[in-house]
N, C-alpha and C. Protein backbone atom coordinates (compact mmCIF):
# COMPACT_ATOMS: atom_id res chain seq x y z
N MET A 1 -9.47 -151.75 126.66
CA MET A 1 -9.99 -150.42 126.90
C MET A 1 -8.95 -149.57 127.62
N GLN A 2 -8.69 -148.38 127.13
CA GLN A 2 -7.73 -147.50 127.78
C GLN A 2 -8.34 -146.89 129.03
N LEU A 3 -7.56 -146.90 130.10
CA LEU A 3 -8.01 -146.31 131.35
C LEU A 3 -7.78 -144.81 131.34
N ARG A 4 -8.68 -144.10 131.97
CA ARG A 4 -8.52 -142.65 132.05
C ARG A 4 -7.64 -142.29 133.24
N LYS A 5 -8.01 -142.80 134.44
CA LYS A 5 -7.25 -142.49 135.65
C LYS A 5 -7.08 -143.75 136.49
N LEU A 6 -5.85 -143.98 136.95
CA LEU A 6 -5.62 -145.09 137.88
C LEU A 6 -4.62 -144.63 138.93
N ALA A 7 -4.55 -145.41 140.01
CA ALA A 7 -3.59 -145.12 141.07
C ALA A 7 -2.69 -146.32 141.29
N VAL A 8 -1.47 -146.03 141.66
CA VAL A 8 -0.53 -147.05 142.11
C VAL A 8 -0.45 -146.92 143.63
N MET A 9 -0.64 -148.05 144.31
CA MET A 9 -0.49 -148.07 145.77
C MET A 9 0.84 -148.75 146.06
N GLY A 10 1.82 -147.98 146.48
CA GLY A 10 3.15 -148.53 146.73
C GLY A 10 3.38 -148.82 148.20
N GLY A 11 4.23 -149.80 148.48
CA GLY A 11 4.57 -150.12 149.86
C GLY A 11 5.19 -151.50 149.96
N THR A 12 5.73 -151.81 151.13
CA THR A 12 6.28 -153.16 151.31
C THR A 12 5.15 -154.15 151.59
N PHE A 13 4.04 -153.68 152.20
CA PHE A 13 2.89 -154.54 152.54
C PHE A 13 3.38 -155.75 153.35
N ASP A 14 4.00 -155.44 154.49
CA ASP A 14 4.64 -156.47 155.30
C ASP A 14 4.16 -156.44 156.74
N PRO A 15 2.84 -156.77 156.99
CA PRO A 15 1.85 -157.24 156.01
C PRO A 15 0.92 -156.10 155.56
N VAL A 16 0.15 -156.39 154.51
CA VAL A 16 -0.93 -155.51 154.09
C VAL A 16 -2.00 -155.52 155.19
N HIS A 17 -2.67 -154.38 155.43
CA HIS A 17 -3.68 -154.32 156.48
C HIS A 17 -4.82 -153.38 156.04
N TYR A 18 -5.79 -153.22 156.94
CA TYR A 18 -6.97 -152.43 156.57
C TYR A 18 -6.64 -150.96 156.31
N GLY A 19 -5.58 -150.44 156.91
CA GLY A 19 -5.19 -149.06 156.63
C GLY A 19 -4.86 -148.87 155.16
N HIS A 20 -4.11 -149.83 154.58
CA HIS A 20 -3.79 -149.77 153.15
C HIS A 20 -5.06 -149.82 152.30
N LEU A 21 -5.95 -150.73 152.65
CA LEU A 21 -7.16 -150.95 151.84
C LEU A 21 -8.11 -149.75 151.94
N VAL A 22 -8.27 -149.21 153.14
CA VAL A 22 -9.15 -148.05 153.32
C VAL A 22 -8.57 -146.84 152.58
N ALA A 23 -7.25 -146.66 152.64
CA ALA A 23 -6.62 -145.55 151.92
C ALA A 23 -6.85 -145.68 150.41
N ALA A 24 -6.64 -146.88 149.88
CA ALA A 24 -6.81 -147.09 148.44
C ALA A 24 -8.24 -146.84 148.01
N GLU A 25 -9.20 -147.32 148.79
CA GLU A 25 -10.60 -147.13 148.42
C GLU A 25 -11.01 -145.67 148.57
N GLY A 26 -10.47 -144.99 149.58
CA GLY A 26 -10.77 -143.58 149.76
C GLY A 26 -10.26 -142.74 148.59
N VAL A 27 -9.05 -143.02 148.15
CA VAL A 27 -8.48 -142.30 147.02
C VAL A 27 -9.25 -142.63 145.74
N ARG A 28 -9.60 -143.89 145.57
CA ARG A 28 -10.36 -144.28 144.37
C ARG A 28 -11.67 -143.50 144.27
N HIS A 29 -12.34 -143.37 145.42
CA HIS A 29 -13.61 -142.63 145.43
C HIS A 29 -13.38 -141.13 145.24
N GLU A 30 -12.42 -140.58 145.98
CA GLU A 30 -12.18 -139.13 145.98
C GLU A 30 -11.80 -138.62 144.59
N PHE A 31 -11.02 -139.41 143.87
CA PHE A 31 -10.50 -138.95 142.57
C PHE A 31 -11.15 -139.68 141.39
N GLN A 32 -12.21 -140.46 141.68
CA GLN A 32 -12.97 -141.15 140.64
C GLN A 32 -12.05 -141.97 139.72
N LEU A 33 -11.28 -142.85 140.34
CA LEU A 33 -10.33 -143.68 139.60
C LEU A 33 -11.00 -144.95 139.11
N GLU A 34 -10.49 -145.47 138.03
CA GLU A 34 -11.03 -146.70 137.47
C GLU A 34 -10.32 -147.95 138.00
N LYS A 35 -9.13 -147.76 138.56
CA LYS A 35 -8.38 -148.90 139.05
C LYS A 35 -7.32 -148.44 140.05
N VAL A 36 -7.06 -149.30 141.05
CA VAL A 36 -5.93 -149.10 141.95
C VAL A 36 -5.05 -150.35 141.86
N VAL A 37 -3.79 -150.13 141.49
CA VAL A 37 -2.85 -151.24 141.33
C VAL A 37 -1.90 -151.24 142.53
N PHE A 38 -1.96 -152.30 143.33
CA PHE A 38 -1.06 -152.46 144.47
C PHE A 38 0.25 -153.04 143.97
N VAL A 39 1.35 -152.38 144.30
CA VAL A 39 2.66 -152.81 143.81
C VAL A 39 3.57 -153.06 145.01
N PRO A 40 3.65 -154.30 145.50
CA PRO A 40 4.59 -154.59 146.59
C PRO A 40 6.02 -154.29 146.15
N ALA A 41 6.76 -153.60 147.02
CA ALA A 41 8.13 -153.20 146.68
C ALA A 41 9.04 -154.42 146.55
N GLY A 42 9.96 -154.32 145.62
CA GLY A 42 10.95 -155.37 145.47
C GLY A 42 12.10 -155.15 146.44
N ARG A 43 12.95 -154.17 146.12
CA ARG A 43 14.09 -153.80 146.98
C ARG A 43 13.99 -152.30 147.26
N PRO A 44 13.25 -151.91 148.30
CA PRO A 44 13.05 -150.48 148.57
C PRO A 44 14.38 -149.79 148.88
N PRO A 45 14.77 -148.78 148.10
CA PRO A 45 16.06 -148.12 148.34
C PRO A 45 16.13 -147.36 149.66
N HIS A 46 14.97 -147.03 150.26
CA HIS A 46 14.98 -146.28 151.52
C HIS A 46 14.80 -147.19 152.74
N LYS A 47 14.77 -148.51 152.52
CA LYS A 47 14.59 -149.42 153.66
C LYS A 47 15.75 -150.41 153.73
N THR A 48 16.95 -149.90 153.52
CA THR A 48 18.13 -150.76 153.57
C THR A 48 18.58 -151.05 154.99
N ASP A 49 17.98 -150.35 155.99
CA ASP A 49 18.42 -150.52 157.37
C ASP A 49 17.76 -151.71 158.05
N HIS A 50 16.77 -152.31 157.44
CA HIS A 50 16.19 -153.51 158.04
C HIS A 50 15.64 -154.44 156.97
N ARG A 51 15.52 -155.69 157.36
CA ARG A 51 15.05 -156.71 156.43
C ARG A 51 13.54 -156.66 156.29
N ILE A 52 13.05 -157.11 155.16
CA ILE A 52 11.61 -157.28 154.96
C ILE A 52 11.36 -158.73 154.59
N SER A 53 10.10 -159.16 154.71
CA SER A 53 9.76 -160.54 154.41
C SER A 53 9.97 -160.86 152.93
N GLU A 54 10.07 -162.14 152.64
CA GLU A 54 10.27 -162.56 151.25
C GLU A 54 9.16 -161.99 150.36
N ALA A 55 9.55 -161.64 149.14
CA ALA A 55 8.60 -161.03 148.20
C ALA A 55 7.41 -161.93 147.94
N LYS A 56 7.63 -163.24 147.87
CA LYS A 56 6.52 -164.15 147.55
C LYS A 56 5.42 -164.08 148.60
N HIS A 57 5.79 -163.88 149.89
CA HIS A 57 4.79 -163.80 150.95
C HIS A 57 4.04 -162.47 150.88
N ARG A 58 4.76 -161.38 150.66
CA ARG A 58 4.12 -160.07 150.61
C ARG A 58 3.19 -159.97 149.40
N LEU A 59 3.61 -160.57 148.29
CA LEU A 59 2.76 -160.58 147.09
C LEU A 59 1.51 -161.42 147.33
N ALA A 60 1.67 -162.58 147.95
CA ALA A 60 0.53 -163.47 148.20
C ALA A 60 -0.47 -162.82 149.16
N MET A 61 0.02 -162.22 150.24
CA MET A 61 -0.88 -161.59 151.20
C MET A 61 -1.66 -160.43 150.56
N THR A 62 -0.98 -159.64 149.74
CA THR A 62 -1.64 -158.51 149.09
C THR A 62 -2.69 -159.00 148.09
N THR A 63 -2.37 -160.05 147.37
CA THR A 63 -3.33 -160.62 146.41
C THR A 63 -4.58 -161.12 147.12
N LEU A 64 -4.39 -161.80 148.25
CA LEU A 64 -5.53 -162.28 149.03
C LEU A 64 -6.38 -161.11 149.54
N ALA A 65 -5.70 -160.05 149.99
CA ALA A 65 -6.40 -158.93 150.61
C ALA A 65 -7.30 -158.17 149.64
N VAL A 66 -6.89 -158.05 148.37
CA VAL A 66 -7.64 -157.22 147.42
C VAL A 66 -8.62 -158.01 146.57
N ALA A 67 -8.66 -159.33 146.74
CA ALA A 67 -9.42 -160.19 145.82
C ALA A 67 -10.89 -159.83 145.72
N SER A 68 -11.48 -159.31 146.79
CA SER A 68 -12.93 -159.06 146.79
C SER A 68 -13.31 -157.72 146.17
N ASN A 69 -12.34 -156.88 145.81
CA ASN A 69 -12.65 -155.55 145.26
C ASN A 69 -12.34 -155.54 143.76
N PRO A 70 -13.35 -155.41 142.92
CA PRO A 70 -13.13 -155.46 141.47
C PRO A 70 -12.31 -154.29 140.92
N PHE A 71 -12.16 -153.22 141.72
CA PHE A 71 -11.36 -152.06 141.28
C PHE A 71 -9.89 -152.19 141.66
N PHE A 72 -9.56 -153.22 142.43
CA PHE A 72 -8.19 -153.41 142.90
C PHE A 72 -7.52 -154.55 142.15
N GLU A 73 -6.22 -154.43 141.92
CA GLU A 73 -5.43 -155.56 141.44
C GLU A 73 -4.01 -155.42 141.97
N VAL A 74 -3.24 -156.49 141.86
CA VAL A 74 -1.87 -156.52 142.37
C VAL A 74 -0.92 -156.76 141.20
N SER A 75 0.21 -156.06 141.21
CA SER A 75 1.22 -156.25 140.18
C SER A 75 2.55 -156.65 140.82
N ASP A 76 3.23 -157.57 140.16
CA ASP A 76 4.55 -158.00 140.64
C ASP A 76 5.68 -157.29 139.92
N LEU A 77 5.39 -156.16 139.29
CA LEU A 77 6.39 -155.53 138.42
C LEU A 77 7.65 -155.11 139.17
N GLU A 78 7.53 -154.68 140.43
CA GLU A 78 8.74 -154.31 141.17
C GLU A 78 9.49 -155.54 141.66
N ILE A 79 8.73 -156.53 142.09
CA ILE A 79 9.34 -157.75 142.60
C ILE A 79 10.16 -158.46 141.52
N ASN A 80 9.68 -158.42 140.30
CA ASN A 80 10.37 -159.11 139.20
C ASN A 80 11.44 -158.27 138.52
N ARG A 81 11.55 -156.99 138.92
CA ARG A 81 12.53 -156.12 138.29
C ARG A 81 13.82 -156.12 139.10
N PRO A 82 14.97 -156.37 138.48
CA PRO A 82 16.22 -156.38 139.24
C PRO A 82 16.62 -154.98 139.69
N GLY A 83 17.43 -154.93 140.72
CA GLY A 83 17.92 -153.65 141.22
C GLY A 83 16.94 -152.98 142.18
N PRO A 84 17.28 -151.78 142.65
CA PRO A 84 16.42 -151.06 143.59
C PRO A 84 15.06 -150.72 142.96
N SER A 85 14.02 -150.66 143.81
CA SER A 85 12.67 -150.38 143.33
C SER A 85 12.41 -148.88 143.34
N TYR A 86 12.81 -148.21 142.28
CA TYR A 86 12.59 -146.78 142.19
C TYR A 86 11.17 -146.50 141.70
N THR A 87 10.49 -145.58 142.39
CA THR A 87 9.11 -145.24 142.03
C THR A 87 9.03 -144.68 140.62
N PHE A 88 10.02 -143.91 140.21
CA PHE A 88 10.01 -143.35 138.86
C PHE A 88 9.91 -144.47 137.82
N ASP A 89 10.71 -145.52 137.98
CA ASP A 89 10.68 -146.64 137.03
C ASP A 89 9.33 -147.35 137.06
N THR A 90 8.76 -147.48 138.26
CA THR A 90 7.46 -148.14 138.40
C THR A 90 6.37 -147.36 137.68
N VAL A 91 6.35 -146.05 137.87
CA VAL A 91 5.32 -145.22 137.22
C VAL A 91 5.48 -145.27 135.69
N GLN A 92 6.71 -145.24 135.21
CA GLN A 92 6.95 -145.36 133.77
C GLN A 92 6.39 -146.67 133.24
N GLU A 93 6.62 -147.76 133.98
CA GLU A 93 6.13 -149.07 133.55
C GLU A 93 4.61 -149.14 133.59
N VAL A 94 4.01 -148.49 134.58
CA VAL A 94 2.54 -148.46 134.66
C VAL A 94 1.95 -147.74 133.45
N TYR A 95 2.57 -146.65 133.03
CA TYR A 95 2.11 -145.97 131.81
C TYR A 95 2.22 -146.88 130.60
N ARG A 96 3.29 -147.66 130.54
CA ARG A 96 3.46 -148.56 129.39
C ARG A 96 2.43 -149.69 129.38
N ARG A 97 2.17 -150.25 130.57
CA ARG A 97 1.27 -151.41 130.65
C ARG A 97 -0.19 -151.06 130.52
N TYR A 98 -0.60 -149.98 131.18
CA TYR A 98 -2.03 -149.67 131.28
C TYR A 98 -2.47 -148.54 130.37
N ARG A 99 -1.55 -147.76 129.87
CA ARG A 99 -1.86 -146.65 128.97
C ARG A 99 -2.90 -145.67 129.53
N PRO A 100 -2.79 -145.30 130.82
CA PRO A 100 -3.77 -144.36 131.38
C PRO A 100 -3.47 -142.93 130.93
N GLU A 101 -4.48 -142.09 131.07
CA GLU A 101 -4.27 -140.67 130.81
C GLU A 101 -3.58 -139.99 132.00
N GLU A 102 -3.87 -140.49 133.21
CA GLU A 102 -3.31 -139.87 134.41
C GLU A 102 -3.06 -140.94 135.47
N VAL A 103 -1.94 -140.79 136.19
CA VAL A 103 -1.58 -141.73 137.24
C VAL A 103 -1.44 -140.99 138.57
N PHE A 104 -2.00 -141.57 139.62
CA PHE A 104 -1.81 -141.10 140.98
C PHE A 104 -0.94 -142.12 141.71
N PHE A 105 -0.16 -141.66 142.68
CA PHE A 105 0.66 -142.58 143.46
C PHE A 105 0.31 -142.40 144.93
N ILE A 106 -0.16 -143.47 145.57
CA ILE A 106 -0.59 -143.41 146.97
C ILE A 106 0.52 -143.97 147.85
N THR A 107 0.90 -143.19 148.84
CA THR A 107 1.88 -143.67 149.81
C THR A 107 1.64 -142.95 151.12
N GLY A 108 2.33 -143.39 152.17
CA GLY A 108 2.16 -142.77 153.47
C GLY A 108 2.85 -141.42 153.56
N ALA A 109 2.32 -140.55 154.41
CA ALA A 109 2.92 -139.22 154.58
C ALA A 109 4.36 -139.33 155.07
N ASP A 110 4.67 -140.36 155.87
CA ASP A 110 6.04 -140.53 156.37
C ASP A 110 7.00 -140.76 155.21
N ALA A 111 6.56 -141.53 154.22
CA ALA A 111 7.41 -141.78 153.05
C ALA A 111 7.58 -140.51 152.23
N VAL A 112 6.51 -139.73 152.13
CA VAL A 112 6.58 -138.50 151.34
C VAL A 112 7.54 -137.49 151.97
N LEU A 113 7.73 -137.58 153.30
CA LEU A 113 8.69 -136.69 153.95
C LEU A 113 10.09 -136.84 153.37
N GLU A 114 10.37 -138.01 152.82
CA GLU A 114 11.70 -138.27 152.26
C GLU A 114 11.75 -138.01 150.75
N ILE A 115 10.70 -137.43 150.21
CA ILE A 115 10.55 -137.39 148.75
C ILE A 115 11.68 -136.63 148.04
N LEU A 116 12.26 -135.66 148.70
CA LEU A 116 13.32 -134.89 148.03
C LEU A 116 14.55 -135.75 147.73
N SER A 117 14.69 -136.86 148.44
CA SER A 117 15.83 -137.74 148.18
C SER A 117 15.49 -138.84 147.18
N TRP A 118 14.25 -138.84 146.67
CA TRP A 118 13.84 -139.90 145.75
C TRP A 118 14.50 -139.72 144.38
N HIS A 119 14.65 -140.83 143.71
CA HIS A 119 15.25 -140.88 142.38
C HIS A 119 14.40 -140.09 141.38
N ARG A 120 15.01 -139.09 140.73
CA ARG A 120 14.37 -138.29 139.67
C ARG A 120 13.02 -137.71 140.14
N VAL A 121 13.04 -137.10 141.32
CA VAL A 121 11.79 -136.71 141.96
C VAL A 121 11.02 -135.66 141.15
N GLN A 122 11.70 -134.70 140.56
CA GLN A 122 10.95 -133.67 139.83
C GLN A 122 10.29 -134.24 138.59
N GLU A 123 10.98 -135.13 137.89
CA GLU A 123 10.36 -135.80 136.74
C GLU A 123 9.19 -136.65 137.18
N LEU A 124 9.36 -137.31 138.34
CA LEU A 124 8.31 -138.17 138.88
C LEU A 124 7.04 -137.38 139.16
N LEU A 125 7.19 -136.22 139.79
CA LEU A 125 6.02 -135.40 140.12
C LEU A 125 5.33 -134.83 138.89
N LYS A 126 6.07 -134.70 137.82
CA LYS A 126 5.44 -134.28 136.56
C LYS A 126 4.63 -135.41 135.94
N ARG A 127 5.02 -136.65 136.26
CA ARG A 127 4.36 -137.82 135.67
C ARG A 127 3.15 -138.27 136.47
N CYS A 128 3.13 -137.97 137.78
CA CYS A 128 2.00 -138.45 138.58
C CYS A 128 1.75 -137.52 139.77
N CYS A 129 0.53 -137.53 140.23
CA CYS A 129 0.12 -136.78 141.42
C CYS A 129 0.29 -137.70 142.63
N PHE A 130 0.91 -137.20 143.69
CA PHE A 130 1.12 -138.00 144.90
C PHE A 130 -0.01 -137.76 145.90
N ILE A 131 -0.54 -138.84 146.44
CA ILE A 131 -1.51 -138.76 147.52
C ILE A 131 -0.80 -139.22 148.79
N ALA A 132 -0.63 -138.31 149.74
CA ALA A 132 0.05 -138.61 150.99
C ALA A 132 -0.99 -138.99 152.04
N ALA A 133 -1.15 -140.28 152.25
CA ALA A 133 -2.15 -140.76 153.21
C ALA A 133 -1.66 -140.51 154.63
N THR A 134 -2.51 -139.86 155.43
CA THR A 134 -2.12 -139.49 156.79
C THR A 134 -3.16 -139.94 157.80
N ARG A 135 -2.71 -140.13 159.03
CA ARG A 135 -3.64 -140.39 160.13
C ARG A 135 -4.34 -139.08 160.50
N PRO A 136 -5.60 -139.15 160.99
CA PRO A 136 -6.27 -137.92 161.44
C PRO A 136 -5.44 -137.24 162.53
N GLY A 137 -5.30 -135.93 162.42
CA GLY A 137 -4.53 -135.19 163.41
C GLY A 137 -3.03 -135.21 163.18
N HIS A 138 -2.58 -135.88 162.13
CA HIS A 138 -1.15 -135.95 161.83
C HIS A 138 -0.64 -134.55 161.46
N ASP A 139 0.47 -134.16 162.07
CA ASP A 139 1.04 -132.83 161.83
C ASP A 139 1.70 -132.78 160.46
N LEU A 140 1.16 -131.96 159.57
CA LEU A 140 1.68 -131.86 158.21
C LEU A 140 2.70 -130.74 158.04
N ASN A 141 3.05 -130.05 159.15
CA ASN A 141 3.99 -128.94 159.04
C ASN A 141 5.35 -129.41 158.54
N ASN A 142 5.79 -130.59 159.01
CA ASN A 142 7.07 -131.13 158.54
C ASN A 142 7.05 -131.33 157.04
N LEU A 143 5.92 -131.84 156.55
CA LEU A 143 5.80 -132.09 155.11
C LEU A 143 5.90 -130.77 154.34
N LYS A 144 5.20 -129.75 154.79
CA LYS A 144 5.22 -128.46 154.10
C LYS A 144 6.62 -127.85 154.10
N GLU A 145 7.30 -127.98 155.25
CA GLU A 145 8.66 -127.41 155.36
C GLU A 145 9.63 -128.14 154.43
N ARG A 146 9.54 -129.48 154.39
CA ARG A 146 10.45 -130.27 153.55
C ARG A 146 10.27 -129.94 152.06
N LEU A 147 9.04 -129.63 151.69
CA LEU A 147 8.74 -129.45 150.27
C LEU A 147 9.10 -128.06 149.74
N GLN A 148 9.55 -127.18 150.62
CA GLN A 148 9.83 -125.81 150.17
C GLN A 148 10.90 -125.74 149.09
N GLU A 149 11.72 -126.78 149.01
CA GLU A 149 12.78 -126.80 148.00
C GLU A 149 12.24 -127.06 146.59
N LEU A 150 11.01 -127.55 146.52
CA LEU A 150 10.42 -127.86 145.22
C LEU A 150 9.71 -126.63 144.64
N PRO A 151 9.63 -126.52 143.32
CA PRO A 151 8.84 -125.44 142.70
C PRO A 151 7.37 -125.54 143.12
N PRO A 152 6.67 -124.42 143.27
CA PRO A 152 5.27 -124.43 143.72
C PRO A 152 4.36 -125.33 142.89
N HIS A 153 4.57 -125.37 141.55
CA HIS A 153 3.67 -126.18 140.72
C HIS A 153 3.86 -127.67 141.00
N LEU A 154 5.03 -128.08 141.52
CA LEU A 154 5.24 -129.49 141.88
C LEU A 154 4.74 -129.78 143.29
N ILE A 155 4.87 -128.80 144.18
CA ILE A 155 4.29 -128.97 145.52
C ILE A 155 2.79 -129.23 145.42
N ALA A 156 2.15 -128.56 144.48
CA ALA A 156 0.70 -128.72 144.28
C ALA A 156 0.35 -130.14 143.82
N ARG A 157 1.34 -130.90 143.39
CA ARG A 157 1.12 -132.27 142.93
C ARG A 157 1.16 -133.27 144.09
N ILE A 158 1.32 -132.79 145.32
CA ILE A 158 1.34 -133.65 146.50
C ILE A 158 0.15 -133.29 147.36
N VAL A 159 -0.80 -134.20 147.47
CA VAL A 159 -2.09 -133.92 148.12
C VAL A 159 -2.25 -134.81 149.36
N PRO A 160 -2.33 -134.23 150.57
CA PRO A 160 -2.56 -135.06 151.76
C PRO A 160 -4.02 -135.51 151.84
N LEU A 161 -4.24 -136.72 152.34
CA LEU A 161 -5.59 -137.25 152.50
C LEU A 161 -5.66 -138.00 153.82
N GLU A 162 -6.56 -137.56 154.71
CA GLU A 162 -6.70 -138.24 156.01
C GLU A 162 -7.38 -139.59 155.84
N VAL A 163 -6.81 -140.60 156.49
CA VAL A 163 -7.35 -141.96 156.45
C VAL A 163 -7.42 -142.49 157.89
N PRO A 164 -8.65 -142.58 158.46
CA PRO A 164 -8.77 -142.99 159.86
C PRO A 164 -8.08 -144.32 160.18
N ALA A 165 -8.15 -145.28 159.27
CA ALA A 165 -7.61 -146.61 159.54
C ALA A 165 -6.08 -146.65 159.55
N LEU A 166 -5.42 -145.53 159.23
CA LEU A 166 -3.96 -145.55 159.24
C LEU A 166 -3.38 -145.51 160.65
N ALA A 167 -4.22 -145.53 161.67
CA ALA A 167 -3.72 -145.76 163.02
C ALA A 167 -3.15 -147.18 163.12
N ILE A 168 -3.58 -148.06 162.20
CA ILE A 168 -3.01 -149.41 162.09
C ILE A 168 -1.68 -149.31 161.37
N SER A 169 -0.69 -150.08 161.82
CA SER A 169 0.60 -150.08 161.12
C SER A 169 1.12 -151.50 160.99
N SER A 170 1.87 -151.74 159.91
CA SER A 170 2.46 -153.07 159.69
C SER A 170 3.44 -153.41 160.79
N SER A 171 4.23 -152.44 161.23
CA SER A 171 5.23 -152.72 162.26
C SER A 171 4.55 -153.13 163.57
N ASP A 172 3.43 -152.49 163.90
CA ASP A 172 2.70 -152.87 165.11
C ASP A 172 2.12 -154.28 164.98
N ILE A 173 1.61 -154.62 163.81
CA ILE A 173 1.09 -155.97 163.60
C ILE A 173 2.21 -157.00 163.78
N ARG A 174 3.39 -156.73 163.23
CA ARG A 174 4.51 -157.67 163.39
C ARG A 174 4.86 -157.83 164.87
N ARG A 175 4.89 -156.71 165.60
CA ARG A 175 5.20 -156.78 167.04
C ARG A 175 4.16 -157.58 167.80
N ARG A 176 2.90 -157.40 167.43
CA ARG A 176 1.82 -158.11 168.11
C ARG A 176 1.92 -159.61 167.85
N VAL A 177 2.26 -160.00 166.64
CA VAL A 177 2.42 -161.43 166.33
C VAL A 177 3.55 -162.01 167.19
N ARG A 178 4.69 -161.32 167.26
CA ARG A 178 5.82 -161.82 168.05
C ARG A 178 5.47 -161.94 169.53
N ALA A 179 4.61 -161.02 170.00
CA ALA A 179 4.25 -161.01 171.41
C ALA A 179 3.07 -161.93 171.72
N GLY A 180 2.53 -162.57 170.68
CA GLY A 180 1.39 -163.46 170.88
C GLY A 180 0.09 -162.73 171.13
N LYS A 181 0.00 -161.47 170.72
CA LYS A 181 -1.22 -160.68 170.89
C LYS A 181 -2.11 -160.81 169.66
N PRO A 182 -3.42 -160.59 169.82
CA PRO A 182 -4.33 -160.74 168.68
C PRO A 182 -4.13 -159.66 167.61
N ILE A 183 -4.30 -160.06 166.36
CA ILE A 183 -4.27 -159.10 165.24
C ILE A 183 -5.59 -159.10 164.47
N LYS A 184 -6.54 -159.85 164.97
CA LYS A 184 -7.86 -159.89 164.33
C LYS A 184 -8.46 -158.49 164.26
N TYR A 185 -9.13 -158.20 163.13
CA TYR A 185 -9.78 -156.92 162.84
C TYR A 185 -8.80 -155.80 162.48
N LEU A 186 -7.50 -156.09 162.46
CA LEU A 186 -6.53 -155.12 161.98
C LEU A 186 -6.23 -155.32 160.50
N LEU A 187 -6.56 -156.50 160.00
CA LEU A 187 -6.27 -156.86 158.61
C LEU A 187 -7.25 -157.95 158.19
N PRO A 188 -7.40 -158.20 156.88
CA PRO A 188 -8.37 -159.21 156.44
C PRO A 188 -8.06 -160.59 157.04
N GLU A 189 -9.12 -161.36 157.29
CA GLU A 189 -8.94 -162.69 157.89
C GLU A 189 -8.04 -163.58 157.05
N VAL A 190 -8.16 -163.47 155.72
CA VAL A 190 -7.34 -164.33 154.86
C VAL A 190 -5.85 -164.02 155.03
N VAL A 191 -5.52 -162.75 155.31
CA VAL A 191 -4.13 -162.38 155.55
C VAL A 191 -3.68 -162.88 156.91
N GLU A 192 -4.56 -162.73 157.91
CA GLU A 192 -4.24 -163.26 159.25
C GLU A 192 -3.95 -164.76 159.18
N GLU A 193 -4.79 -165.50 158.46
CA GLU A 193 -4.59 -166.95 158.31
C GLU A 193 -3.26 -167.24 157.62
N TYR A 194 -2.94 -166.48 156.58
CA TYR A 194 -1.71 -166.70 155.84
C TYR A 194 -0.50 -166.50 156.76
N ILE A 195 -0.54 -165.45 157.59
CA ILE A 195 0.57 -165.16 158.50
C ILE A 195 0.83 -166.35 159.42
N PHE A 196 -0.23 -166.92 159.97
CA PHE A 196 -0.05 -168.01 160.93
C PHE A 196 0.27 -169.34 160.25
N ILE A 197 -0.30 -169.57 159.08
CA ILE A 197 0.00 -170.81 158.34
C ILE A 197 1.49 -170.85 157.97
N HIS A 198 2.04 -169.70 157.60
CA HIS A 198 3.44 -169.65 157.14
C HIS A 198 4.41 -169.22 158.24
N GLY A 199 3.91 -169.02 159.45
CA GLY A 199 4.78 -168.70 160.55
C GLY A 199 5.52 -167.37 160.42
N LEU A 200 4.88 -166.39 159.79
CA LEU A 200 5.55 -165.11 159.59
C LEU A 200 5.59 -164.29 160.88
N TYR A 201 6.62 -163.47 160.99
CA TYR A 201 6.78 -162.47 162.05
C TYR A 201 6.99 -163.07 163.44
N GLN A 202 7.36 -164.34 163.49
CA GLN A 202 7.66 -164.95 164.79
C GLN A 202 8.97 -164.41 165.36
N GLN A 203 9.86 -163.98 164.47
CA GLN A 203 11.13 -163.40 164.88
C GLN A 203 11.26 -161.99 164.31
N ASP A 204 12.03 -161.18 164.96
CA ASP A 204 12.18 -159.77 164.55
C ASP A 204 12.93 -159.69 163.22
N LEU A 205 12.34 -158.94 162.25
CA LEU A 205 13.00 -158.75 160.96
C LEU A 205 14.03 -157.64 161.03
N HIS A 206 13.97 -156.79 162.04
CA HIS A 206 14.83 -155.59 162.08
C HIS A 206 16.23 -155.97 162.54
């Protein structure tokens, strides 16, 4: 069956947490999507300044986290693709695999701030609508100022959406694990168990 509308949820998911899941479900409801595909990044071109966990762990944690939601699934398309993980290539592949009529791309507002430096950004915005997930009260003035270089019809393709659970962050979870502080209720229990079984985040990745 051909899908009408789906979203790609991009990120390193290191680890995946409730902020990611709440954002994905909020966008699914707001835009009446039939599916949200979580795509853990392979080699993020904008995160060359620090290391990320092995792809197999990030893929496994994300798969565990979304298992209970029939509208969610996980794809390894970036992890299995050689070279940098460009969003343009990912969106093109999603159109090939799923044949949707329309694609949305969900990412954090902080990532969208860098969008002008993204690979083939104007073509990308023509191919999909961006949902910039933000924390409540997050100042969007920086985003508006950065986007002034884009044509108005492409700026309209970037839609901010407040997500209360985005007060949670992966970097804070990693710090809490290293410090021996609790991470319960910040992420699904199955992900918490996976982190401790595999000894993740005991040492600084940065």
